[in-house]
């Protein structure tokens, strides 16, 4: 059994994904269980377990994730708006122990979210 997360396995080419962005810092791909018409995950290549595990040295990576998410939202035509979500820990419903940003759009979002 591999100790790599599913995201590390995607980056290694072991698991296929519908990629929409790749660079040296992160990759982005369509979620296999979409919660909105558009549901893309933006994931750093560095395997940071979650928001609670961030260090000050990760600030540029996290900023890059948000810039990439904005760019992808524009490319996918989410002109009416979109939502970015980061789950952290068990109570936050984080299911993969690798930081990732959910980009959700293509419909009107509701509030409260959960």
Protein backbone atom coordinates (compact mmCIF):
# COMPACT_ATOMS: atom_id res chain seq x y z
CA UNK A 1 0.00 0.00 0.00
CA UNK A 2 1.28 3.45 -0.90
CA UNK A 3 1.79 6.16 1.71
CA UNK A 4 1.10 8.76 -0.98
CA UNK A 5 -2.18 10.63 -0.97
CA UNK A 6 -4.51 10.30 -3.92
CA UNK A 7 -3.37 13.76 -5.05
CA UNK A 8 0.30 12.76 -5.01
CA UNK A 9 -0.65 9.69 -7.05
CA UNK A 10 -2.49 11.92 -9.56
CA UNK A 11 0.59 14.15 -9.90
CA UNK A 12 2.76 11.04 -10.39
CA UNK A 13 0.49 9.87 -13.23
CA UNK A 14 -0.63 6.77 -11.31
CA UNK A 15 -4.28 7.85 -11.28
CA UNK A 16 -5.93 9.63 -14.23
CA UNK A 17 -7.53 13.03 -13.73
CA UNK A 18 -9.18 15.64 -15.94
CA UNK A 19 -6.51 18.30 -15.48
CA UNK A 20 -7.33 21.95 -16.11
CA UNK A 21 -4.06 23.46 -14.86
CA UNK A 22 -0.52 22.35 -14.07
CA UNK A 23 2.55 24.31 -13.05
CA UNK A 24 5.54 23.78 -10.77
CA UNK A 25 3.58 24.76 -7.63
CA UNK A 26 0.17 23.15 -8.12
CA UNK A 27 -2.23 21.27 -10.29
CA UNK A 28 -5.99 21.55 -10.74
CA UNK A 29 -8.45 18.95 -11.91
CA UNK A 30 -12.16 18.19 -11.95
CA UNK A 31 -13.50 16.52 -8.79
CA UNK A 32 -14.69 12.93 -9.35
CA UNK A 33 -17.69 13.56 -7.06
CA UNK A 34 -18.81 17.07 -8.09
CA UNK A 35 -20.97 19.09 -5.71
CA UNK A 36 -21.78 21.76 -8.30
CA UNK A 37 -21.85 21.91 -12.12
CA UNK A 38 -18.25 23.12 -11.92
CA UNK A 39 -16.15 21.53 -9.18
CA UNK A 40 -12.38 21.75 -9.55
CA UNK A 41 -9.73 20.96 -6.94
CA UNK A 42 -6.64 23.17 -6.80
CA UNK A 43 -3.88 21.23 -5.06
CA UNK A 44 -0.31 22.15 -4.15
CA UNK A 45 2.35 19.71 -5.29
CA UNK A 46 3.92 19.99 -1.82
CA UNK A 47 2.01 17.50 0.37
CA UNK A 48 0.85 19.89 3.10
CA UNK A 49 -1.61 17.89 5.27
CA UNK A 50 -4.06 20.80 5.73
CA UNK A 51 -4.54 24.41 6.82
CA UNK A 52 -3.67 23.49 10.42
CA UNK A 53 -0.26 22.24 9.23
CA UNK A 54 0.70 25.42 7.35
CA UNK A 55 3.90 27.21 8.21
CA UNK A 56 4.89 30.77 7.35
CA UNK A 57 7.04 29.39 4.53
CA UNK A 58 3.88 28.06 2.83
CA UNK A 59 2.33 31.52 2.38
CA UNK A 60 3.42 31.89 -1.25
CA UNK A 61 2.04 28.45 -2.10
CA UNK A 62 -1.36 29.23 -0.58
CA UNK A 63 -1.50 32.59 -2.33
CA UNK A 64 -0.67 30.87 -5.60
CA UNK A 65 -3.57 28.43 -5.12
CA UNK A 66 -6.00 31.35 -4.87
CA UNK A 67 -4.58 33.12 -7.92
CA UNK A 68 -4.82 29.90 -9.93
CA UNK A 69 -8.39 29.31 -8.71
CA UNK A 70 -9.38 32.82 -9.87
CA UNK A 71 -7.79 32.21 -13.27
CA UNK A 72 -9.54 28.85 -13.69
CA UNK A 73 -12.89 30.37 -12.68
CA UNK A 74 -12.49 32.97 -15.44
CA UNK A 75 -11.44 30.34 -17.98
CA UNK A 76 -14.45 28.19 -17.11
CA UNK A 77 -16.84 31.13 -17.49
CA UNK A 78 -17.88 31.50 -13.85
CA UNK A 79 -18.59 35.19 -14.42
CA UNK A 80 -21.58 35.26 -12.05
CA UNK A 81 -19.42 34.17 -9.11
CA UNK A 82 -18.04 31.07 -7.47
CA UNK A 83 -17.14 29.67 -4.08
CA UNK A 84 -13.74 28.58 -2.76
CA UNK A 85 -13.76 26.08 0.11
CA UNK A 86 -10.96 24.58 2.18
CA UNK A 87 -11.91 21.83 4.64
CA UNK A 88 -9.56 21.19 7.56
CA UNK A 89 -9.53 18.22 9.88
CA UNK A 90 -12.15 15.63 10.71
CA UNK A 91 -14.75 18.12 11.99
CA UNK A 92 -14.18 20.24 8.89
CA UNK A 93 -14.95 17.19 6.69
CA UNK A 94 -11.46 17.00 5.19
CA UNK A 95 -11.32 13.59 3.49
CA UNK A 96 -7.83 13.71 1.92
CA UNK A 97 -4.93 14.70 4.21
CA UNK A 98 -3.42 16.98 1.56
CA UNK A 99 -4.36 20.66 1.41
CA UNK A 100 -6.70 21.49 -1.48
CA UNK A 101 -9.07 24.26 -2.52
CA UNK A 102 -12.49 23.38 -3.89
CA UNK A 103 -13.59 25.73 -6.68
CA UNK A 104 -17.38 25.46 -6.96
CA UNK A 105 -19.59 27.27 -9.44
CA UNK A 106 -22.09 27.06 -12.25
CA UNK A 107 -25.09 27.53 -9.95
CA UNK A 108 -26.22 29.88 -7.22
CA UNK A 109 -24.61 28.87 -3.94
CA UNK A 110 -26.70 28.70 -0.76
CA UNK A 111 -25.87 29.89 2.73
CA UNK A 112 -25.15 28.60 5.26
CA UNK A 113 -23.02 26.02 3.46
CA UNK A 114 -23.13 23.29 6.10
